[in-house]
Amino acid sequence: MFPPAAQLSRRRRAPAGGSAAARRLPPHHDRAGPGGAGGSATIARGYHLVARYVPHALGPVVSGAARREHDDALLATYRSCLDLAALVEDIRTIAFCSVSTGASGFPRPRAAAIALRAVAEWTTCRPGRFDVVVHCVLDAQNFAVYQRVIDAWDGGTPPSTQH
């Protein structure tokens, strides 16, 4: 496996004043996306990590059934990370974890479809900006979820999130 130039870090709440790593960045490398309960992101240097940069994303927390606003916030989270990573010229690869699917309660199949859709739409509009975008999964169950969403994808239209 190749080392990504940027690897997404999930966070539940925006830390006061940004992350510790982001606070140590020179101003031209400390980038912040839109605020809010979901859809926000910042990017910091990776320091001692394999990844040179770490976008930090604040995805939505779902309590009960996921609603359209949760979908929109998750889509905005991925787009914000991609937009921020694109501002750093030496980021050519980026790896995403499954944002909001753990303790945040977002349904995994729906989140996988949104993640794949967000990246597909973004990269289609900006061909060649990134060499590789990876969706990382931590276990066989999450891998199976992504595989089912990919298998159901017709190759043209990005996967749908059934509302």
N, C-alpha and C. Protein backbone atom coordinates (compact mmCIF):
# COMPACT_ATOMS: atom_id res chain seq x y z
N MET A 1 0.84 -1.19 0.00
CA MET A 1 0.00 0.00 0.00
C MET A 1 0.88 1.24 0.00
N PHE A 2 0.46 2.27 -0.66
CA PHE A 2 1.19 3.52 -0.74
C PHE A 2 0.85 4.40 0.46
N PRO A 3 1.76 5.28 0.87
CA PRO A 3 1.42 6.21 1.94
C PRO A 3 0.64 7.40 1.36
N PRO A 4 -0.55 7.69 1.91
CA PRO A 4 -1.31 8.83 1.40
C PRO A 4 -0.65 10.14 1.80
N ALA A 5 -0.80 11.16 0.97
CA ALA A 5 -0.29 12.48 1.32
C ALA A 5 -1.19 13.12 2.37
N ALA A 6 -2.46 12.75 2.36
CA ALA A 6 -3.40 13.26 3.35
C ALA A 6 -4.31 12.13 3.78
N GLN A 7 -4.56 12.04 5.06
CA GLN A 7 -5.44 11.01 5.59
C GLN A 7 -6.43 11.65 6.54
N LEU A 8 -7.71 11.42 6.32
CA LEU A 8 -8.77 12.04 7.10
C LEU A 8 -8.77 11.56 8.53
N SER A 9 -8.97 12.49 9.44
CA SER A 9 -9.14 12.18 10.85
C SER A 9 -10.53 12.62 11.24
N ARG A 10 -11.30 11.72 11.86
CA ARG A 10 -12.65 12.08 12.30
C ARG A 10 -12.57 12.79 13.63
N ARG A 11 -13.53 13.67 13.87
CA ARG A 11 -13.64 14.30 15.18
C ARG A 11 -15.10 14.50 15.48
N ARG A 12 -15.45 14.50 16.72
CA ARG A 12 -16.85 14.67 17.12
C ARG A 12 -17.21 16.13 17.27
N ARG A 13 -16.33 16.91 17.88
CA ARG A 13 -16.59 18.33 18.09
C ARG A 13 -15.37 19.11 17.63
N ALA A 14 -15.61 20.32 17.19
CA ALA A 14 -14.50 21.18 16.80
C ALA A 14 -13.77 21.60 18.07
N PRO A 15 -12.45 21.34 18.16
CA PRO A 15 -11.72 21.76 19.34
C PRO A 15 -11.62 23.28 19.39
N ALA A 16 -11.64 23.84 20.59
CA ALA A 16 -11.52 25.29 20.74
C ALA A 16 -10.19 25.73 20.15
N GLY A 17 -10.23 26.67 19.24
CA GLY A 17 -9.01 27.18 18.62
C GLY A 17 -8.41 26.26 17.59
N GLY A 18 -9.11 25.20 17.19
CA GLY A 18 -8.58 24.25 16.20
C GLY A 18 -7.79 23.16 16.89
N SER A 19 -7.35 22.17 16.12
CA SER A 19 -6.58 21.07 16.69
C SER A 19 -5.20 21.56 17.10
N ALA A 20 -4.55 20.81 17.98
CA ALA A 20 -3.21 21.19 18.41
C ALA A 20 -2.26 21.25 17.21
N ALA A 21 -2.39 20.28 16.30
CA ALA A 21 -1.53 20.28 15.12
C ALA A 21 -1.82 21.49 14.25
N ALA A 22 -3.09 21.84 14.07
CA ALA A 22 -3.45 22.99 13.24
C ALA A 22 -2.94 24.28 13.86
N ARG A 23 -2.94 24.39 15.18
CA ARG A 23 -2.47 25.61 15.83
C ARG A 23 -0.97 25.81 15.61
N ARG A 24 -0.20 24.74 15.34
CA ARG A 24 1.24 24.85 15.12
C ARG A 24 1.59 25.14 13.66
N LEU A 25 0.61 25.14 12.78
CA LEU A 25 0.89 25.35 11.36
C LEU A 25 1.16 26.81 11.05
N PRO A 26 2.03 27.07 10.08
CA PRO A 26 2.14 28.44 9.58
C PRO A 26 0.79 28.82 8.97
N PRO A 27 0.44 30.12 8.97
CA PRO A 27 -0.88 30.53 8.49
C PRO A 27 -1.24 30.03 7.10
N HIS A 28 -0.29 29.91 6.18
CA HIS A 28 -0.64 29.48 4.83
C HIS A 28 -0.95 28.00 4.73
N HIS A 29 -0.71 27.23 5.79
CA HIS A 29 -1.04 25.81 5.76
C HIS A 29 -2.21 25.46 6.68
N ASP A 30 -2.66 26.40 7.47
CA ASP A 30 -3.78 26.14 8.37
C ASP A 30 -5.04 26.59 7.67
N ARG A 31 -5.78 25.64 7.13
CA ARG A 31 -6.97 25.95 6.35
C ARG A 31 -8.19 25.46 7.10
N ALA A 32 -9.25 26.21 7.04
CA ALA A 32 -10.49 25.81 7.69
C ALA A 32 -11.63 25.90 6.71
N GLY A 33 -12.52 24.92 6.79
CA GLY A 33 -13.70 24.91 5.95
C GLY A 33 -14.86 25.55 6.66
N PRO A 34 -16.06 25.40 6.11
CA PRO A 34 -17.23 26.02 6.71
C PRO A 34 -17.55 25.42 8.06
N GLY A 35 -18.09 26.22 8.96
CA GLY A 35 -18.43 25.75 10.30
C GLY A 35 -19.78 25.06 10.30
N GLY A 36 -20.21 24.64 11.47
CA GLY A 36 -21.52 24.02 11.58
C GLY A 36 -21.46 22.67 12.26
N ALA A 37 -22.61 22.04 12.40
CA ALA A 37 -22.70 20.77 13.11
C ALA A 37 -22.21 19.61 12.26
N GLY A 38 -22.03 19.82 11.03
CA GLY A 38 -21.51 18.82 10.11
C GLY A 38 -21.09 19.53 8.86
N GLY A 39 -20.15 18.96 8.15
CA GLY A 39 -19.71 19.59 6.91
C GLY A 39 -18.49 20.46 7.07
N SER A 40 -17.96 20.56 8.28
CA SER A 40 -16.79 21.40 8.46
C SER A 40 -15.52 20.56 8.42
N ALA A 41 -14.44 21.19 8.07
CA ALA A 41 -13.16 20.50 8.02
C ALA A 41 -12.03 21.49 8.21
N THR A 42 -10.93 21.00 8.73
CA THR A 42 -9.69 21.76 8.79
C THR A 42 -8.61 20.83 8.27
N ILE A 43 -7.45 21.38 7.99
CA ILE A 43 -6.33 20.54 7.54
C ILE A 43 -5.09 20.97 8.31
N ALA A 44 -4.33 19.98 8.74
CA ALA A 44 -3.12 20.23 9.52
C ALA A 44 -2.00 19.35 8.97
N ARG A 45 -0.78 19.67 9.34
CA ARG A 45 0.35 18.82 8.96
C ARG A 45 0.30 17.51 9.73
N GLY A 46 0.85 16.47 9.12
CA GLY A 46 0.85 15.15 9.74
C GLY A 46 2.00 14.94 10.71
N TYR A 47 3.00 15.79 10.69
CA TYR A 47 4.17 15.70 11.54
C TYR A 47 4.77 14.30 11.53
N HIS A 48 4.59 13.51 12.56
CA HIS A 48 5.24 12.20 12.66
C HIS A 48 4.42 11.06 12.05
N LEU A 49 3.33 11.37 11.39
CA LEU A 49 2.52 10.36 10.73
C LEU A 49 3.07 10.06 9.34
N VAL A 50 2.63 8.97 8.75
CA VAL A 50 3.01 8.66 7.38
C VAL A 50 2.44 9.72 6.44
N ALA A 51 1.20 10.12 6.68
CA ALA A 51 0.56 11.15 5.86
C ALA A 51 1.17 12.51 6.20
N ARG A 52 1.48 13.29 5.19
CA ARG A 52 2.06 14.61 5.41
C ARG A 52 1.03 15.62 5.93
N TYR A 53 -0.24 15.40 5.61
CA TYR A 53 -1.31 16.28 6.05
C TYR A 53 -2.47 15.45 6.58
N VAL A 54 -3.23 16.04 7.51
CA VAL A 54 -4.39 15.35 8.07
C VAL A 54 -5.58 16.31 8.05
N PRO A 55 -6.51 16.08 7.12
CA PRO A 55 -7.76 16.84 7.20
C PRO A 55 -8.57 16.30 8.38
N HIS A 56 -9.13 17.18 9.17
CA HIS A 56 -9.98 16.79 10.29
C HIS A 56 -11.41 17.16 9.91
N ALA A 57 -12.31 16.20 9.97
CA ALA A 57 -13.68 16.45 9.53
C ALA A 57 -14.66 16.32 10.69
N LEU A 58 -15.63 17.20 10.68
CA LEU A 58 -16.70 17.16 11.65
C LEU A 58 -17.96 16.72 10.92
N GLY A 59 -18.25 15.43 11.01
CA GLY A 59 -19.44 14.88 10.34
C GLY A 59 -20.65 14.97 11.25
N PRO A 60 -21.83 14.73 10.69
CA PRO A 60 -23.05 14.82 11.48
C PRO A 60 -23.20 13.67 12.48
N VAL A 61 -23.87 13.97 13.57
CA VAL A 61 -24.24 12.96 14.56
C VAL A 61 -25.71 12.63 14.32
N VAL A 62 -26.01 11.35 14.19
CA VAL A 62 -27.38 10.92 13.91
C VAL A 62 -27.95 10.25 15.17
N SER A 63 -29.02 10.81 15.66
CA SER A 63 -29.73 10.23 16.80
C SER A 63 -31.12 9.88 16.29
N GLY A 64 -31.41 8.59 16.18
CA GLY A 64 -32.66 8.17 15.56
C GLY A 64 -32.43 7.90 14.08
N ALA A 65 -33.43 8.18 13.28
CA ALA A 65 -33.33 7.93 11.84
C ALA A 65 -32.55 9.04 11.16
N ALA A 66 -31.72 8.65 10.19
CA ALA A 66 -30.98 9.64 9.40
C ALA A 66 -31.98 10.39 8.51
N ARG A 67 -31.79 11.69 8.43
CA ARG A 67 -32.67 12.54 7.63
C ARG A 67 -31.87 13.21 6.52
N ARG A 68 -32.57 13.87 5.64
CA ARG A 68 -31.95 14.55 4.49
C ARG A 68 -30.85 15.52 4.94
N GLU A 69 -31.09 16.25 6.03
CA GLU A 69 -30.08 17.20 6.51
C GLU A 69 -28.80 16.51 6.97
N HIS A 70 -28.93 15.27 7.48
CA HIS A 70 -27.73 14.49 7.83
C HIS A 70 -26.96 14.13 6.57
N ASP A 71 -27.70 13.70 5.54
CA ASP A 71 -27.06 13.37 4.25
C ASP A 71 -26.31 14.58 3.70
N ASP A 72 -26.98 15.73 3.71
CA ASP A 72 -26.38 16.95 3.17
C ASP A 72 -25.13 17.34 3.95
N ALA A 73 -25.19 17.20 5.27
CA ALA A 73 -24.03 17.54 6.10
C ALA A 73 -22.86 16.59 5.84
N LEU A 74 -23.15 15.30 5.68
CA LEU A 74 -22.08 14.33 5.41
C LEU A 74 -21.47 14.59 4.03
N LEU A 75 -22.30 14.86 3.05
CA LEU A 75 -21.81 15.19 1.71
C LEU A 75 -20.92 16.43 1.77
N ALA A 76 -21.35 17.43 2.53
CA ALA A 76 -20.56 18.66 2.68
C ALA A 76 -19.23 18.39 3.38
N THR A 77 -19.22 17.44 4.31
CA THR A 77 -17.98 17.09 5.01
C THR A 77 -16.93 16.56 4.02
N TYR A 78 -17.34 15.61 3.19
CA TYR A 78 -16.40 15.06 2.21
C TYR A 78 -15.96 16.13 1.21
N ARG A 79 -16.90 16.93 0.72
CA ARG A 79 -16.55 17.99 -0.24
C ARG A 79 -15.59 19.00 0.38
N SER A 80 -15.83 19.35 1.63
CA SER A 80 -14.96 20.30 2.32
C SER A 80 -13.54 19.76 2.44
N CYS A 81 -13.42 18.49 2.78
CA CYS A 81 -12.09 17.87 2.88
C CYS A 81 -11.38 17.87 1.53
N LEU A 82 -12.10 17.51 0.49
CA LEU A 82 -11.51 17.50 -0.85
C LEU A 82 -11.12 18.90 -1.29
N ASP A 83 -11.99 19.88 -1.02
CA ASP A 83 -11.67 21.26 -1.38
C ASP A 83 -10.41 21.74 -0.66
N LEU A 84 -10.32 21.45 0.64
CA LEU A 84 -9.15 21.87 1.40
C LEU A 84 -7.88 21.17 0.94
N ALA A 85 -7.97 19.88 0.72
CA ALA A 85 -6.79 19.12 0.25
C ALA A 85 -6.33 19.65 -1.11
N ALA A 86 -7.26 20.05 -1.94
CA ALA A 86 -6.91 20.56 -3.27
C ALA A 86 -6.13 21.87 -3.18
N LEU A 87 -6.26 22.60 -2.07
CA LEU A 87 -5.53 23.85 -1.90
C LEU A 87 -4.04 23.63 -1.63
N VAL A 88 -3.69 22.43 -1.20
CA VAL A 88 -2.29 22.11 -0.89
C VAL A 88 -1.73 21.37 -2.09
N GLU A 89 -0.87 22.03 -2.84
CA GLU A 89 -0.42 21.50 -4.13
C GLU A 89 0.24 20.14 -4.06
N ASP A 90 0.98 19.84 -2.98
CA ASP A 90 1.69 18.56 -2.95
C ASP A 90 0.84 17.40 -2.46
N ILE A 91 -0.44 17.61 -2.20
CA ILE A 91 -1.33 16.49 -1.89
C ILE A 91 -1.85 15.94 -3.22
N ARG A 92 -1.44 14.74 -3.54
CA ARG A 92 -1.88 14.06 -4.76
C ARG A 92 -2.71 12.81 -4.45
N THR A 93 -2.63 12.34 -3.19
CA THR A 93 -3.42 11.18 -2.75
C THR A 93 -4.11 11.56 -1.45
N ILE A 94 -5.30 11.02 -1.25
CA ILE A 94 -6.03 11.28 -0.01
C ILE A 94 -6.78 10.01 0.39
N ALA A 95 -6.82 9.74 1.68
CA ALA A 95 -7.52 8.56 2.20
C ALA A 95 -8.63 9.02 3.14
N PHE A 96 -9.81 8.45 2.97
CA PHE A 96 -10.96 8.77 3.81
C PHE A 96 -11.36 7.57 4.66
N CYS A 97 -11.65 7.83 5.93
CA CYS A 97 -12.28 6.82 6.78
C CYS A 97 -13.79 6.94 6.58
N SER A 98 -14.55 6.11 7.23
CA SER A 98 -16.01 6.17 7.14
C SER A 98 -16.53 7.19 8.15
N VAL A 99 -16.68 8.42 7.72
CA VAL A 99 -17.05 9.52 8.60
C VAL A 99 -18.45 9.30 9.18
N SER A 100 -18.59 9.54 10.47
CA SER A 100 -19.86 9.53 11.21
C SER A 100 -20.52 8.17 11.37
N THR A 101 -19.86 7.07 11.01
CA THR A 101 -20.53 5.76 11.05
C THR A 101 -20.34 5.02 12.36
N GLY A 102 -19.44 5.45 13.20
CA GLY A 102 -19.23 4.75 14.47
C GLY A 102 -20.18 5.27 15.53
N ALA A 103 -19.62 5.89 16.55
CA ALA A 103 -20.41 6.41 17.66
C ALA A 103 -21.37 7.51 17.21
N SER A 104 -21.12 8.13 16.07
CA SER A 104 -21.99 9.20 15.58
C SER A 104 -23.29 8.68 15.00
N GLY A 105 -23.39 7.37 14.75
CA GLY A 105 -24.66 6.74 14.43
C GLY A 105 -25.17 6.83 13.00
N PHE A 106 -24.37 7.31 12.07
CA PHE A 106 -24.85 7.38 10.68
C PHE A 106 -24.94 5.96 10.12
N PRO A 107 -26.04 5.59 9.48
CA PRO A 107 -26.16 4.23 8.92
C PRO A 107 -25.06 3.97 7.89
N ARG A 108 -24.35 2.87 8.06
CA ARG A 108 -23.18 2.59 7.22
C ARG A 108 -23.46 2.51 5.72
N PRO A 109 -24.48 1.81 5.26
CA PRO A 109 -24.72 1.75 3.82
C PRO A 109 -25.00 3.13 3.22
N ARG A 110 -25.77 3.91 3.92
CA ARG A 110 -26.10 5.25 3.46
C ARG A 110 -24.85 6.13 3.44
N ALA A 111 -24.03 6.03 4.49
CA ALA A 111 -22.80 6.81 4.56
C ALA A 111 -21.82 6.40 3.46
N ALA A 112 -21.72 5.11 3.18
CA ALA A 112 -20.83 4.64 2.11
C ALA A 112 -21.27 5.20 0.76
N ALA A 113 -22.57 5.19 0.50
CA ALA A 113 -23.08 5.73 -0.76
C ALA A 113 -22.79 7.22 -0.88
N ILE A 114 -22.94 7.94 0.21
CA ILE A 114 -22.65 9.38 0.20
C ILE A 114 -21.17 9.63 -0.02
N ALA A 115 -20.33 8.87 0.67
CA ALA A 115 -18.88 9.05 0.52
C ALA A 115 -18.44 8.79 -0.92
N LEU A 116 -18.90 7.69 -1.49
CA LEU A 116 -18.53 7.36 -2.86
C LEU A 116 -19.06 8.40 -3.84
N ARG A 117 -20.30 8.84 -3.61
CA ARG A 117 -20.91 9.85 -4.48
C ARG A 117 -20.14 11.17 -4.41
N ALA A 118 -19.80 11.60 -3.19
CA ALA A 118 -19.09 12.87 -3.01
C ALA A 118 -17.76 12.87 -3.76
N VAL A 119 -17.00 11.79 -3.60
CA VAL A 119 -15.70 11.71 -4.27
C VAL A 119 -15.87 11.61 -5.78
N ALA A 120 -16.83 10.80 -6.24
CA ALA A 120 -17.06 10.65 -7.69
C ALA A 120 -17.44 11.98 -8.32
N GLU A 121 -18.37 12.69 -7.70
CA GLU A 121 -18.79 13.99 -8.25
C GLU A 121 -17.64 14.99 -8.24
N TRP A 122 -16.91 15.06 -7.12
CA TRP A 122 -15.83 16.03 -6.98
C TRP A 122 -14.72 15.76 -8.01
N THR A 123 -14.31 14.52 -8.12
CA THR A 123 -13.21 14.20 -9.04
C THR A 123 -13.64 14.29 -10.50
N THR A 124 -14.91 14.07 -10.79
CA THR A 124 -15.40 14.24 -12.16
C THR A 124 -15.32 15.70 -12.58
N CYS A 125 -15.60 16.60 -11.66
CA CYS A 125 -15.54 18.04 -11.95
C CYS A 125 -14.11 18.57 -11.98
N ARG A 126 -13.18 17.83 -11.39
CA ARG A 126 -11.77 18.27 -11.30
C ARG A 126 -10.85 17.12 -11.69
N PRO A 127 -10.95 16.65 -12.92
CA PRO A 127 -10.14 15.50 -13.33
C PRO A 127 -8.64 15.79 -13.19
N GLY A 128 -7.94 14.81 -12.66
CA GLY A 128 -6.49 14.92 -12.55
C GLY A 128 -5.98 15.64 -11.32
N ARG A 129 -6.87 16.21 -10.50
CA ARG A 129 -6.37 16.94 -9.32
C ARG A 129 -5.71 15.98 -8.32
N PHE A 130 -6.32 14.84 -8.09
CA PHE A 130 -5.71 13.82 -7.22
C PHE A 130 -5.39 12.60 -8.06
N ASP A 131 -4.26 11.97 -7.74
CA ASP A 131 -3.90 10.73 -8.43
C ASP A 131 -4.70 9.56 -7.88
N VAL A 132 -4.90 9.54 -6.57
CA VAL A 132 -5.59 8.43 -5.92
C VAL A 132 -6.44 8.96 -4.76
N VAL A 133 -7.67 8.46 -4.66
CA VAL A 133 -8.52 8.70 -3.49
C VAL A 133 -8.91 7.33 -2.96
N VAL A 134 -8.64 7.09 -1.68
CA VAL A 134 -8.88 5.79 -1.07
C VAL A 134 -9.97 5.93 -0.01
N HIS A 135 -10.87 4.96 0.02
CA HIS A 135 -11.85 4.85 1.10
C HIS A 135 -11.36 3.73 2.01
N CYS A 136 -10.90 4.06 3.20
CA CYS A 136 -10.38 3.08 4.15
C CYS A 136 -11.50 2.52 5.00
N VAL A 137 -11.47 1.23 5.22
CA VAL A 137 -12.42 0.59 6.12
C VAL A 137 -11.63 -0.20 7.16
N LEU A 138 -12.19 -0.29 8.36
CA LEU A 138 -11.44 -0.88 9.46
C LEU A 138 -11.70 -2.36 9.68
N ASP A 139 -12.77 -2.87 9.07
CA ASP A 139 -13.08 -4.27 9.33
C ASP A 139 -13.84 -4.88 8.16
N ALA A 140 -14.04 -6.18 8.21
CA ALA A 140 -14.71 -6.90 7.12
C ALA A 140 -16.16 -6.45 6.94
N GLN A 141 -16.82 -6.10 8.02
CA GLN A 141 -18.21 -5.65 7.93
C GLN A 141 -18.31 -4.35 7.12
N ASN A 142 -17.46 -3.39 7.41
CA ASN A 142 -17.46 -2.14 6.64
C ASN A 142 -17.04 -2.37 5.20
N PHE A 143 -16.08 -3.26 5.00
CA PHE A 143 -15.66 -3.59 3.63
C PHE A 143 -16.85 -4.14 2.84
N ALA A 144 -17.61 -5.03 3.46
CA ALA A 144 -18.77 -5.62 2.79
C ALA A 144 -19.82 -4.55 2.45
N VAL A 145 -20.00 -3.59 3.33
CA VAL A 145 -20.95 -2.50 3.07
C VAL A 145 -20.52 -1.71 1.84
N TYR A 146 -19.27 -1.32 1.79
CA TYR A 146 -18.76 -0.57 0.63
C TYR A 146 -18.86 -1.42 -0.63
N GLN A 147 -18.53 -2.70 -0.52
CA GLN A 147 -18.58 -3.58 -1.69
C GLN A 147 -20.00 -3.68 -2.25
N ARG A 148 -20.99 -3.80 -1.36
CA ARG A 148 -22.39 -3.85 -1.82
C ARG A 148 -22.80 -2.56 -2.52
N VAL A 149 -22.40 -1.42 -1.98
CA VAL A 149 -22.74 -0.14 -2.61
C VAL A 149 -22.06 -0.03 -3.97
N ILE A 150 -20.80 -0.42 -4.04
CA ILE A 150 -20.07 -0.37 -5.32
C ILE A 150 -20.68 -1.32 -6.33
N ASP A 151 -21.03 -2.52 -5.89
CA ASP A 151 -21.63 -3.51 -6.79
C ASP A 151 -22.97 -3.03 -7.35
N ALA A 152 -23.71 -2.25 -6.57
CA ALA A 152 -25.02 -1.75 -7.00
C ALA A 152 -24.89 -0.51 -7.89
N TRP A 153 -23.72 0.08 -7.91
CA TRP A 153 -23.47 1.29 -8.69
C TRP A 153 -23.41 0.93 -10.17
N ASP A 154 -24.10 1.68 -10.99
CA ASP A 154 -24.14 1.38 -12.42
C ASP A 154 -22.94 1.91 -13.19
N GLY A 155 -22.01 2.57 -12.50
CA GLY A 155 -20.82 3.07 -13.14
C GLY A 155 -20.97 4.48 -13.69
N GLY A 156 -22.18 4.96 -13.83
CA GLY A 156 -22.39 6.30 -14.34
C GLY A 156 -22.84 7.23 -13.23
N THR A 157 -24.11 7.12 -12.88
CA THR A 157 -24.66 7.95 -11.83
C THR A 157 -24.12 7.49 -10.48
N PRO A 158 -23.65 8.43 -9.65
CA PRO A 158 -23.17 8.04 -8.33
C PRO A 158 -24.27 7.37 -7.52
N PRO A 159 -23.88 6.53 -6.56
CA PRO A 159 -24.88 5.80 -5.77
C PRO A 159 -25.85 6.75 -5.09
N SER A 160 -27.08 6.29 -4.95
CA SER A 160 -28.14 7.08 -4.35
C SER A 160 -28.24 6.80 -2.86
N THR A 161 -28.70 7.77 -2.12
CA THR A 161 -29.00 7.58 -0.71
C THR A 161 -30.51 7.63 -0.60
N GLN A 162 -31.14 6.54 -0.43
CA GLN A 162 -32.60 6.48 -0.43
C GLN A 162 -33.17 7.25 0.75
N HIS A 163 -34.00 8.25 0.44
CA HIS A 163 -34.58 9.12 1.48
C HIS A 163 -35.92 8.57 1.90
